[in-house]
Full PDB file with SEQRES, HELIX, SHEET, SSBOND, CRYST1, ORIGX, SCALE, CONECT and MASTER records, all heavy atoms in Angstrom:
SEQRES   1 A   39  ILE ARG TYR ALA LYS GLU GLY HIS TYR ASP GLY THR VAL          
SEQRES   2 A   39  ILE TYR ARG VAL ALA PRO GLY PHE VAL ILE GLN MET GLY          
SEQRES   3 A   39  SER TYR GLU PRO GLY GLY SER SER ARG PRO THR HIS GLN          
HELIX    1 AA1 ARG A    2  GLU A    6  1                                   5    
SHEET    1 AA1 2 ILE A  14  ALA A  18  0                                        
SHEET    2 AA1 2 VAL A  22  MET A  25 -1                                        
CRYST1    1.000    1.000    1.000  90.00  90.00  90.00 P 1           1          
ORIGX1      1.000000  0.000000  0.000000        0.00000                         
ORIGX2      0.000000  1.000000  0.000000        0.00000                         
ORIGX3      0.000000  0.000000  1.000000        0.00000                         
SCALE1      1.000000  0.000000  0.000000        0.00000                         
SCALE2      0.000000  1.000000  0.000000        0.00000                         
SCALE3      0.000000  0.000000  1.000000        0.00000                         
ATOM      1  N   ILE A   1     -29.739  20.234  18.486  1.00  0.00           N  
ATOM      2  CA  ILE A   1     -30.168  19.472  19.660  1.00  0.00           C  
ATOM      3  C   ILE A   1     -31.607  18.990  19.492  1.00  0.00           C  
ATOM      4  O   ILE A   1     -31.948  17.859  19.867  1.00  0.00           O  
ATOM      5  CB  ILE A   1     -30.012  20.318  20.934  1.00  0.00           C  
ATOM      6  CG1 ILE A   1     -28.519  20.511  21.254  1.00  0.00           C  
ATOM      7  CG2 ILE A   1     -30.735  19.673  22.115  1.00  0.00           C  
ATOM      8  CD1 ILE A   1     -28.257  21.432  22.431  1.00  0.00           C  
ATOM      9  N   ARG A   2     -32.445  19.822  18.923  1.00  0.00           N  
ATOM     10  CA  ARG A   2     -33.843  19.435  18.695  1.00  0.00           C  
ATOM     11  C   ARG A   2     -33.916  18.182  17.819  1.00  0.00           C  
ATOM     12  O   ARG A   2     -34.596  17.208  18.167  1.00  0.00           O  
ATOM     13  CB  ARG A   2     -34.596  20.587  18.025  1.00  0.00           C  
ATOM     14  CG  ARG A   2     -36.048  20.271  17.684  1.00  0.00           C  
ATOM     15  CD  ARG A   2     -36.670  21.419  16.902  1.00  0.00           C  
ATOM     16  NE  ARG A   2     -38.100  21.222  16.705  1.00  0.00           N  
ATOM     17  CZ  ARG A   2     -38.876  22.056  16.000  1.00  0.00           C  
ATOM     18  NH1 ARG A   2     -38.342  23.142  15.448  1.00  0.00           N  
ATOM     19  NH2 ARG A   2     -40.153  21.809  15.860  1.00  0.00           N  
ATOM     20  N   TYR A   3     -33.188  18.204  16.705  1.00  0.00           N  
ATOM     21  CA  TYR A   3     -33.195  17.036  15.817  1.00  0.00           C  
ATOM     22  C   TYR A   3     -32.631  15.807  16.518  1.00  0.00           C  
ATOM     23  O   TYR A   3     -33.152  14.697  16.385  1.00  0.00           O  
ATOM     24  CB  TYR A   3     -32.392  17.323  14.553  1.00  0.00           C  
ATOM     25  CG  TYR A   3     -33.127  18.123  13.508  1.00  0.00           C  
ATOM     26  CD1 TYR A   3     -32.761  19.436  13.216  1.00  0.00           C  
ATOM     27  CD2 TYR A   3     -34.186  17.570  12.790  1.00  0.00           C  
ATOM     28  CE1 TYR A   3     -33.430  20.174  12.252  1.00  0.00           C  
ATOM     29  CE2 TYR A   3     -34.868  18.297  11.821  1.00  0.00           C  
ATOM     30  CZ  TYR A   3     -34.484  19.600  11.552  1.00  0.00           C  
ATOM     31  OH  TYR A   3     -35.146  20.328  10.590  1.00  0.00           O  
ATOM     32  N   ALA A   4     -31.538  15.993  17.251  1.00  0.00           N  
ATOM     33  CA  ALA A   4     -30.900  14.862  17.936  1.00  0.00           C  
ATOM     34  C   ALA A   4     -31.845  14.240  18.958  1.00  0.00           C  
ATOM     35  O   ALA A   4     -31.981  13.007  19.024  1.00  0.00           O  
ATOM     36  CB  ALA A   4     -29.607  15.310  18.605  1.00  0.00           C  
ATOM     37  N   LYS A   5     -32.512  15.061  19.752  1.00  0.00           N  
ATOM     38  CA  LYS A   5     -33.405  14.546  20.787  1.00  0.00           C  
ATOM     39  C   LYS A   5     -34.656  13.905  20.189  1.00  0.00           C  
ATOM     40  O   LYS A   5     -35.270  13.043  20.816  1.00  0.00           O  
ATOM     41  CB  LYS A   5     -33.771  15.661  21.768  1.00  0.00           C  
ATOM     42  CG  LYS A   5     -32.606  16.068  22.669  1.00  0.00           C  
ATOM     43  CD  LYS A   5     -33.030  17.037  23.750  1.00  0.00           C  
ATOM     44  CE  LYS A   5     -31.886  17.294  24.735  1.00  0.00           C  
ATOM     45  NZ  LYS A   5     -32.293  18.223  25.807  1.00  0.00           N  
ATOM     46  N   GLU A   6     -35.020  14.332  19.001  1.00  0.00           N  
ATOM     47  CA  GLU A   6     -36.161  13.721  18.316  1.00  0.00           C  
ATOM     48  C   GLU A   6     -35.789  12.377  17.676  1.00  0.00           C  
ATOM     49  O   GLU A   6     -36.668  11.674  17.179  1.00  0.00           O  
ATOM     50  CB  GLU A   6     -36.695  14.661  17.242  1.00  0.00           C  
ATOM     51  CG  GLU A   6     -37.400  15.891  17.788  1.00  0.00           C  
ATOM     52  CD  GLU A   6     -37.816  16.873  16.705  1.00  0.00           C  
ATOM     53  OE1 GLU A   6     -37.351  16.732  15.546  1.00  0.00           O  
ATOM     54  OE2 GLU A   6     -38.608  17.791  17.011  1.00  0.00           O  
ATOM     55  N   GLY A   7     -34.489  12.060  17.659  1.00  0.00           N  
ATOM     56  CA  GLY A   7     -34.049  10.821  17.028  1.00  0.00           C  
ATOM     57  C   GLY A   7     -33.956  10.914  15.520  1.00  0.00           C  
ATOM     58  O   GLY A   7     -33.848   9.897  14.833  1.00  0.00           O  
ATOM     59  N   HIS A   8     -33.956  12.148  15.019  1.00  0.00           N  
ATOM     60  CA  HIS A   8     -33.956  12.358  13.569  1.00  0.00           C  
ATOM     61  C   HIS A   8     -32.726  11.734  12.898  1.00  0.00           C  
ATOM     62  O   HIS A   8     -32.834  11.173  11.808  1.00  0.00           O  
ATOM     63  CB  HIS A   8     -33.995  13.863  13.276  1.00  0.00           C  
ATOM     64  CG  HIS A   8     -33.944  14.201  11.819  1.00  0.00           C  
ATOM     65  ND1 HIS A   8     -35.076  14.292  11.031  1.00  0.00           N  
ATOM     66  CD2 HIS A   8     -32.899  14.461  10.994  1.00  0.00           C  
ATOM     67  CE1 HIS A   8     -34.725  14.599   9.795  1.00  0.00           C  
ATOM     68  NE2 HIS A   8     -33.408  14.713   9.746  1.00  0.00           N  
ATOM     69  N   TYR A   9     -31.571  11.833  13.556  1.00  0.00           N  
ATOM     70  CA  TYR A   9     -30.332  11.358  12.943  1.00  0.00           C  
ATOM     71  C   TYR A   9     -30.121   9.854  13.075  1.00  0.00           C  
ATOM     72  O   TYR A   9     -29.342   9.271  12.317  1.00  0.00           O  
ATOM     73  CB  TYR A   9     -29.138  12.090  13.569  1.00  0.00           C  
ATOM     74  CG  TYR A   9     -29.143  13.583  13.355  1.00  0.00           C  
ATOM     75  CD1 TYR A   9     -29.114  14.468  14.440  1.00  0.00           C  
ATOM     76  CD2 TYR A   9     -29.182  14.128  12.078  1.00  0.00           C  
ATOM     77  CE1 TYR A   9     -29.106  15.839  14.250  1.00  0.00           C  
ATOM     78  CE2 TYR A   9     -29.185  15.498  11.881  1.00  0.00           C  
ATOM     79  CZ  TYR A   9     -29.146  16.350  12.968  1.00  0.00           C  
ATOM     80  OH  TYR A   9     -29.149  17.714  12.764  1.00  0.00           O  
ATOM     81  N   ASP A  10     -30.799   9.236  14.012  1.00  0.00           N  
ATOM     82  CA  ASP A  10     -30.585   7.817  14.288  1.00  0.00           C  
ATOM     83  C   ASP A  10     -31.044   6.964  13.104  1.00  0.00           C  
ATOM     84  O   ASP A  10     -32.203   7.028  12.680  1.00  0.00           O  
ATOM     85  CB  ASP A  10     -31.337   7.399  15.546  1.00  0.00           C  
ATOM     86  CG  ASP A  10     -30.952   8.236  16.759  1.00  0.00           C  
ATOM     87  OD1 ASP A  10     -29.955   8.985  16.681  1.00  0.00           O  
ATOM     88  OD2 ASP A  10     -31.662   8.147  17.784  1.00  0.00           O  
ATOM     89  N   GLY A  11     -30.130   6.170  12.575  1.00  0.00           N  
ATOM     90  CA  GLY A  11     -30.473   5.312  11.449  1.00  0.00           C  
ATOM     91  C   GLY A  11     -30.256   5.942  10.085  1.00  0.00           C  
ATOM     92  O   GLY A  11     -30.523   5.311   9.065  1.00  0.00           O  
ATOM     93  N   THR A  12     -29.761   7.183  10.075  1.00  0.00           N  
ATOM     94  CA  THR A  12     -29.433   7.819   8.792  1.00  0.00           C  
ATOM     95  C   THR A  12     -27.973   7.494   8.440  1.00  0.00           C  
ATOM     96  O   THR A  12     -27.276   6.831   9.192  1.00  0.00           O  
ATOM     97  CB  THR A  12     -29.631   9.340   8.853  1.00  0.00           C  
ATOM     98  OG1 THR A  12     -28.773   9.892   9.869  1.00  0.00           O  
ATOM     99  CG2 THR A  12     -31.078   9.692   9.173  1.00  0.00           C  
ATOM    100  N   VAL A  13     -27.533   7.978   7.281  1.00  0.00           N  
ATOM    101  CA  VAL A  13     -26.179   7.648   6.829  1.00  0.00           C  
ATOM    102  C   VAL A  13     -25.341   8.900   6.597  1.00  0.00           C  
ATOM    103  O   VAL A  13     -25.865  10.003   6.430  1.00  0.00           O  
ATOM    104  CB  VAL A  13     -26.211   6.822   5.521  1.00  0.00           C  
ATOM    105  CG1 VAL A  13     -26.877   5.479   5.740  1.00  0.00           C  
ATOM    106  CG2 VAL A  13     -26.901   7.606   4.393  1.00  0.00           C  
ATOM    107  N   ILE A  14     -24.031   8.692   6.620  1.00  0.00           N  
ATOM    108  CA  ILE A  14     -23.100   9.737   6.178  1.00  0.00           C  
ATOM    109  C   ILE A  14     -23.039   9.589   4.664  1.00  0.00           C  
ATOM    110  O   ILE A  14     -22.422   8.669   4.143  1.00  0.00           O  
ATOM    111  CB  ILE A  14     -21.726   9.547   6.850  1.00  0.00           C  
ATOM    112  CG1 ILE A  14     -21.891   9.742   8.370  1.00  0.00           C  
ATOM    113  CG2 ILE A  14     -20.704  10.542   6.288  1.00  0.00           C  
ATOM    114  CD1 ILE A  14     -20.660   9.416   9.173  1.00  0.00           C  
ATOM    115  N   TYR A  15     -23.737  10.458   3.972  1.00  0.00           N  
ATOM    116  CA  TYR A  15     -23.982  10.255   2.547  1.00  0.00           C  
ATOM    117  C   TYR A  15     -23.006  10.974   1.625  1.00  0.00           C  
ATOM    118  O   TYR A  15     -23.058  10.796   0.411  1.00  0.00           O  
ATOM    119  CB  TYR A  15     -25.409  10.676   2.197  1.00  0.00           C  
ATOM    120  CG  TYR A  15     -25.780  12.085   2.616  1.00  0.00           C  
ATOM    121  CD1 TYR A  15     -25.359  13.197   1.898  1.00  0.00           C  
ATOM    122  CD2 TYR A  15     -26.577  12.301   3.738  1.00  0.00           C  
ATOM    123  CE1 TYR A  15     -25.703  14.477   2.288  1.00  0.00           C  
ATOM    124  CE2 TYR A  15     -26.930  13.576   4.140  1.00  0.00           C  
ATOM    125  CZ  TYR A  15     -26.489  14.662   3.394  1.00  0.00           C  
ATOM    126  OH  TYR A  15     -26.834  15.945   3.783  1.00  0.00           O  
ATOM    127  N   ARG A  16     -22.128  11.785   2.194  1.00  0.00           N  
ATOM    128  CA  ARG A  16     -21.133  12.460   1.365  1.00  0.00           C  
ATOM    129  C   ARG A  16     -19.757  12.312   2.001  1.00  0.00           C  
ATOM    130  O   ARG A  16     -19.567  12.666   3.154  1.00  0.00           O  
ATOM    131  CB  ARG A  16     -21.469  13.944   1.207  1.00  0.00           C  
ATOM    132  CG  ARG A  16     -20.498  14.702   0.300  1.00  0.00           C  
ATOM    133  CD  ARG A  16     -20.778  16.188   0.300  1.00  0.00           C  
ATOM    134  NE  ARG A  16     -20.001  16.896  -0.695  1.00  0.00           N  
ATOM    135  CZ  ARG A  16     -19.955  18.223  -0.818  1.00  0.00           C  
ATOM    136  NH1 ARG A  16     -20.655  18.989   0.007  1.00  0.00           N  
ATOM    137  NH2 ARG A  16     -19.220  18.790  -1.755  1.00  0.00           N  
ATOM    138  N   VAL A  17     -18.816  11.805   1.227  1.00  0.00           N  
ATOM    139  CA  VAL A  17     -17.437  11.689   1.671  1.00  0.00           C  
ATOM    140  C   VAL A  17     -16.544  12.306   0.605  1.00  0.00           C  
ATOM    141  O   VAL A  17     -16.444  11.799  -0.509  1.00  0.00           O  
ATOM    142  CB  VAL A  17     -17.043  10.218   1.905  1.00  0.00           C  
ATOM    143  CG1 VAL A  17     -15.538  10.092   2.088  1.00  0.00           C  
ATOM    144  CG2 VAL A  17     -17.762   9.650   3.129  1.00  0.00           C  
ATOM    145  N   ALA A  18     -15.951  13.422   0.947  1.00  0.00           N  
ATOM    146  CA  ALA A  18     -15.047  14.129   0.036  1.00  0.00           C  
ATOM    147  C   ALA A  18     -13.700  14.245   0.734  1.00  0.00           C  
ATOM    148  O   ALA A  18     -13.486  15.191   1.507  1.00  0.00           O  
ATOM    149  CB  ALA A  18     -15.602  15.497  -0.321  1.00  0.00           C  
ATOM    150  N   PRO A  19     -12.785  13.299   0.525  1.00  0.00           N  
ATOM    151  CA  PRO A  19     -11.486  13.320   1.208  1.00  0.00           C  
ATOM    152  C   PRO A  19     -10.768  14.651   1.064  1.00  0.00           C  
ATOM    153  O   PRO A  19     -10.748  15.243  -0.013  1.00  0.00           O  
ATOM    154  CB  PRO A  19     -10.720  12.190   0.511  1.00  0.00           C  
ATOM    155  CG  PRO A  19     -11.787  11.255   0.030  1.00  0.00           C  
ATOM    156  CD  PRO A  19     -12.917  12.160  -0.392  1.00  0.00           C  
ATOM    157  N   GLY A  20     -10.216  15.137   2.171  1.00  0.00           N  
ATOM    158  CA  GLY A  20      -9.532  16.417   2.157  1.00  0.00           C  
ATOM    159  C   GLY A  20     -10.467  17.609   2.185  1.00  0.00           C  
ATOM    160  O   GLY A  20     -10.027  18.759   2.158  1.00  0.00           O  
ATOM    161  N   PHE A  21     -11.775  17.346   2.289  1.00  0.00           N  
ATOM    162  CA  PHE A  21     -12.755  18.437   2.297  1.00  0.00           C  
ATOM    163  C   PHE A  21     -13.737  18.252   3.453  1.00  0.00           C  
ATOM    164  O   PHE A  21     -13.559  18.842   4.521  1.00  0.00           O  
ATOM    165  CB  PHE A  21     -13.466  18.507   0.959  1.00  0.00           C  
ATOM    166  CG  PHE A  21     -14.428  19.654   0.816  1.00  0.00           C  
ATOM    167  CD1 PHE A  21     -14.076  20.938   1.236  1.00  0.00           C  
ATOM    168  CD2 PHE A  21     -15.694  19.464   0.267  1.00  0.00           C  
ATOM    169  CE1 PHE A  21     -14.964  22.013   1.110  1.00  0.00           C  
ATOM    170  CE2 PHE A  21     -16.579  20.525   0.126  1.00  0.00           C  
ATOM    171  CZ  PHE A  21     -16.216  21.791   0.549  1.00  0.00           C  
ATOM    172  N   VAL A  22     -14.767  17.420   3.275  1.00  0.00           N  
ATOM    173  CA  VAL A  22     -15.773  17.236   4.323  1.00  0.00           C  
ATOM    174  C   VAL A  22     -16.362  15.827   4.282  1.00  0.00           C  
ATOM    175  O   VAL A  22     -16.255  15.118   3.280  1.00  0.00           O  
ATOM    176  CB  VAL A  22     -16.951  18.237   4.183  1.00  0.00           C  
ATOM    177  CG1 VAL A  22     -16.473  19.671   4.219  1.00  0.00           C  
ATOM    178  CG2 VAL A  22     -17.754  17.962   2.913  1.00  0.00           C  
ATOM    179  N   ILE A  23     -17.010  15.444   5.406  1.00  0.00           N  
ATOM    180  CA  ILE A  23     -17.992  14.368   5.393  1.00  0.00           C  
ATOM    181  C   ILE A  23     -19.310  15.018   5.803  1.00  0.00           C  
ATOM    182  O   ILE A  23     -19.328  15.912   6.645  1.00  0.00           O  
ATOM    183  CB  ILE A  23     -17.623  13.195   6.321  1.00  0.00           C  
ATOM    184  CG1 ILE A  23     -17.562  13.628   7.794  1.00  0.00           C  
ATOM    185  CG2 ILE A  23     -16.316  12.547   5.899  1.00  0.00           C  
ATOM    186  CD1 ILE A  23     -17.458  12.455   8.761  1.00  0.00           C  
ATOM    187  N   GLN A  24     -20.404  14.575   5.180  1.00  0.00           N  
ATOM    188  CA  GLN A  24     -21.700  15.243   5.389  1.00  0.00           C  
ATOM    189  C   GLN A  24     -22.782  14.225   5.686  1.00  0.00           C  
ATOM    190  O   GLN A  24     -22.767  13.104   5.196  1.00  0.00           O  
ATOM    191  CB  GLN A  24     -22.068  16.055   4.142  1.00  0.00           C  
ATOM    192  CG  GLN A  24     -23.314  16.911   4.296  1.00  0.00           C  
ATOM    193  CD  GLN A  24     -23.477  17.883   3.133  1.00  0.00           C  
ATOM    194  OE1 GLN A  24     -22.507  18.482   2.670  1.00  0.00           O  
ATOM    195  NE2 GLN A  24     -24.692  18.033   2.648  1.00  0.00           N  
ATOM    196  N   MET A  25     -23.749  14.647   6.505  1.00  0.00           N  
ATOM    197  CA  MET A  25     -24.800  13.748   6.963  1.00  0.00           C  
ATOM    198  C   MET A  25     -26.027  14.559   7.378  1.00  0.00           C  
ATOM    199  O   MET A  25     -25.991  15.781   7.372  1.00  0.00           O  
ATOM    200  CB  MET A  25     -24.287  12.920   8.136  1.00  0.00           C  
ATOM    201  CG  MET A  25     -23.872  13.754   9.350  1.00  0.00           C  
ATOM    202  SD  MET A  25     -22.452  13.117  10.291  1.00  0.00           S  
ATOM    203  CE  MET A  25     -21.085  13.818   9.349  1.00  0.00           C  
ATOM    204  N   GLY A  26     -27.109  13.852   7.751  1.00  0.00           N  
ATOM    205  CA  GLY A  26     -28.281  14.578   8.233  1.00  0.00           C  
ATOM    206  C   GLY A  26     -29.584  13.835   8.146  1.00  0.00           C  
ATOM    207  O   GLY A  26     -30.112  13.399   9.167  1.00  0.00           O  
ATOM    208  N   SER A  27     -30.144  13.670   6.945  1.00  0.00           N  
ATOM    209  CA  SER A  27     -31.527  13.210   6.841  1.00  0.00           C  
ATOM    210  C   SER A  27     -31.748  12.002   5.941  1.00  0.00           C  
ATOM    211  O   SER A  27     -32.886  11.561   5.792  1.00  0.00           O  
ATOM    212  CB  SER A  27     -32.415  14.354   6.328  1.00  0.00           C  
ATOM    213  OG  SER A  27     -32.366  15.470   7.189  1.00  0.00           O  
ATOM    214  N   TYR A  28     -30.688  11.474   5.317  1.00  0.00           N  
ATOM    215  CA  TYR A  28     -30.887  10.406   4.338  1.00  0.00           C  
ATOM    216  C   TYR A  28     -30.702   9.024   4.948  1.00  0.00           C  
ATOM    217  O   TYR A  28     -29.754   8.766   5.686  1.00  0.00           O  
ATOM    218  CB  TYR A  28     -29.941  10.583   3.145  1.00  0.00           C  
ATOM    219  CG  TYR A  28     -30.383  11.720   2.252  1.00  0.00           C  
ATOM    220  CD1 TYR A  28     -30.033  13.037   2.558  1.00  0.00           C  
ATOM    221  CD2 TYR A  28     -31.183  11.493   1.142  1.00  0.00           C  
ATOM    222  CE1 TYR A  28     -30.462  14.087   1.759  1.00  0.00           C  
ATOM    223  CE2 TYR A  28     -31.610  12.539   0.336  1.00  0.00           C  
ATOM    224  CZ  TYR A  28     -31.252  13.834   0.652  1.00  0.00           C  
ATOM    225  OH  TYR A  28     -31.680  14.882  -0.122  1.00  0.00           O  
ATOM    226  N   GLU A  29     -31.623   8.135   4.612  1.00  0.00           N  
ATOM    227  CA  GLU A  29     -31.598   6.766   5.090  1.00  0.00           C  
ATOM    228  C   GLU A  29     -30.780   5.893   4.142  1.00  0.00           C  
ATOM    229  O   GLU A  29     -30.490   6.300   3.008  1.00  0.00           O  
ATOM    230  CB  GLU A  29     -33.032   6.251   5.226  1.00  0.00           C  
ATOM    231  CG  GLU A  29     -33.852   7.052   6.239  1.00  0.00           C  
ATOM    232  CD  GLU A  29     -35.285   6.570   6.372  1.00  0.00           C  
ATOM    233  OE1 GLU A  29     -35.729   5.778   5.494  1.00  0.00           O  
ATOM    234  OE2 GLU A  29     -35.950   6.968   7.338  1.00  0.00           O  
ATOM    235  N   PRO A  30     -30.378   4.689   4.571  1.00  0.00           N  
ATOM    236  CA  PRO A  30     -29.556   3.828   3.727  1.00  0.00           C  
ATOM    237  C   PRO A  30     -30.141   3.568   2.344  1.00  0.00           C  
ATOM    238  O   PRO A  30     -29.396   3.407   1.362  1.00  0.00           O  
ATOM    239  CB  PRO A  30     -29.461   2.534   4.549  1.00  0.00           C  
ATOM    240  CG  PRO A  30     -29.569   2.990   5.966  1.00  0.00           C  
ATOM    241  CD  PRO A  30     -30.556   4.122   5.924  1.00  0.00           C  
ATOM    242  N   GLY A  31     -31.453   3.538   2.240  1.00  0.00           N  
ATOM    243  CA  GLY A  31     -32.084   3.294   0.944  1.00  0.00           C  
ATOM    244  C   GLY A  31     -32.126   4.498   0.033  1.00  0.00           C  
ATOM    245  O   GLY A  31     -32.533   4.388  -1.130  1.00  0.00           O  
ATOM    246  N   GLY A  32     -31.740   5.659   0.561  1.00  0.00           N  
ATOM    247  CA  GLY A  32     -31.712   6.865  -0.258  1.00  0.00           C  
ATOM    248  C   GLY A  32     -32.849   7.826  -0.014  1.00  0.00           C  
ATOM    249  O   GLY A  32     -32.812   8.962  -0.493  1.00  0.00           O  
ATOM    250  N   SER A  33     -33.863   7.417   0.756  1.00  0.00           N  
ATOM    251  CA  SER A  33     -34.979   8.318   1.026  1.00  0.00           C  
ATOM    252  C   SER A  33     -34.591   9.338   2.086  1.00  0.00           C  
ATOM    253  O   SER A  33     -33.740   9.078   2.939  1.00  0.00           O  
ATOM    254  CB  SER A  33     -36.213   7.534   1.471  1.00  0.00           C  
ATOM    255  OG  SER A  33     -35.930   6.785   2.643  1.00  0.00           O  
ATOM    256  N   SER A  34     -35.230  10.511   2.029  1.00  0.00           N  
ATOM    257  CA  SER A  34     -34.917  11.601   2.940  1.00  0.00           C  
ATOM    258  C   SER A  34     -36.013  11.770   3.987  1.00  0.00           C  
ATOM    259  O   SER A  34     -37.204  11.691   3.670  1.00  0.00           O  
ATOM    260  CB  SER A  34     -34.755  12.905   2.162  1.00  0.00           C  
ATOM    261  OG  SER A  34     -34.481  13.982   3.031  1.00  0.00           O  
ATOM    262  N   ARG A  35     -35.611  11.995   5.222  1.00  0.00           N  
ATOM    263  CA  ARG A  35     -36.579  12.211   6.283  1.00  0.00           C  
ATOM    264  C   ARG A  35     -37.075  13.657   6.272  1.00  0.00           C  
ATOM    265  O   ARG A  35     -36.330  14.572   5.914  1.00  0.00           O  
ATOM    266  CB  ARG A  35     -35.951  11.897   7.637  1.00  0.00           C  
ATOM    267  CG  ARG A  35     -35.584  10.430   7.795  1.00  0.00           C  
ATOM    268  CD  ARG A  35     -35.010  10.114   9.154  1.00  0.00           C  
ATOM    269  NE  ARG A  35     -34.734   8.680   9.273  1.00  0.00           N  
ATOM    270  CZ  ARG A  35     -34.224   8.090  10.341  1.00  0.00           C  
ATOM    271  NH1 ARG A  35     -33.900   8.835  11.410  1.00  0.00           N  
ATOM    272  NH2 ARG A  35     -34.014   6.787  10.365  1.00  0.00           N  
ATOM    273  N   PRO A  36     -38.321  13.888   6.690  1.00  0.00           N  
ATOM    274  CA  PRO A  36     -38.849  15.253   6.735  1.00  0.00           C  
ATOM    275  C   PRO A  36     -38.117  16.097   7.770  1.00  0.00           C  
ATOM    276  O   PRO A  36     -37.634  15.580   8.780  1.00  0.00           O  
ATOM    277  CB  PRO A  36     -40.321  15.056   7.103  1.00  0.00           C  
ATOM    278  CG  PRO A  36     -40.369  13.724   7.787  1.00  0.00           C  
ATOM    279  CD  PRO A  36     -39.326  12.882   7.116  1.00  0.00           C  
ATOM    280  N   THR A  37     -38.048  17.385   7.519  1.00  0.00           N  
ATOM    281  CA  THR A  37     -37.341  18.296   8.413  1.00  0.00           C  
ATOM    282  C   THR A  37     -38.244  19.441   8.847  1.00  0.00           C  
ATOM    283  O   THR A  37     -39.312  19.667   8.278  1.00  0.00           O  
ATOM    284  CB  THR A  37     -36.096  18.888   7.727  1.00  0.00           C  
ATOM    285  OG1 THR A  37     -36.496  19.577   6.526  1.00  0.00           O  
ATOM    286  CG2 THR A  37     -35.100  17.790   7.366  1.00  0.00           C  
ATOM    287  N   HIS A  38     -37.782  20.176   9.850  1.00  0.00           N  
ATOM    288  CA  HIS A  38     -38.493  21.366  10.309  1.00  0.00           C  
ATOM    289  C   HIS A  38     -38.171  22.540   9.381  1.00  0.00           C  
ATOM    290  O   HIS A  38     -37.390  22.408   8.433  1.00  0.00           O  
ATOM    291  CB  HIS A  38     -38.075  21.700  11.742  1.00  0.00           C  
ATOM    292  CG  HIS A  38     -38.421  20.628  12.729  1.00  0.00           C  
ATOM    293  ND1 HIS A  38     -39.717  20.286  13.051  1.00  0.00           N  
ATOM    294  CD2 HIS A  38     -37.619  19.804  13.472  1.00  0.00           C  
ATOM    295  CE1 HIS A  38     -39.714  19.316  13.946  1.00  0.00           C  
ATOM    296  NE2 HIS A  38     -38.457  19.000  14.215  1.00  0.00           N  
ATOM    297  N   GLN A  39     -38.745  23.685   9.693  1.00  0.00           N  
ATOM    298  CA  GLN A  39     -38.490  24.886   8.912  1.00  0.00           C  
ATOM    299  C   GLN A  39     -37.007  25.278   8.996  1.00  0.00           C  
ATOM    300  O   GLN A  39     -36.346  25.030  10.016  1.00  0.00           O  
ATOM    301  CB  GLN A  39     -39.351  26.046   9.426  1.00  0.00           C  
ATOM    302  CG  GLN A  39     -40.834  25.873   9.123  1.00  0.00           C  
ATOM    303  CD  GLN A  39     -41.117  25.856   7.634  1.00  0.00           C  
ATOM    304  OE1 GLN A  39     -40.648  26.718   6.887  1.00  0.00           O  
ATOM    305  NE2 GLN A  39     -41.889  24.879   7.195  1.00  0.00           N  
TER     306      GLN A  39                                                      
MASTER        0    0    0    1    2    0    0    6  305    1    0    3          
END                                                                             
């Protein structure tokens, strides 16, 4: 919730797609750079 309310996820991408397993997302932007995170 902290990350969501900070807008951390907005504008990032779903960067991992493994059919039959998972889709993963979080901190990576379309260009491939990663946003800073908390502890």
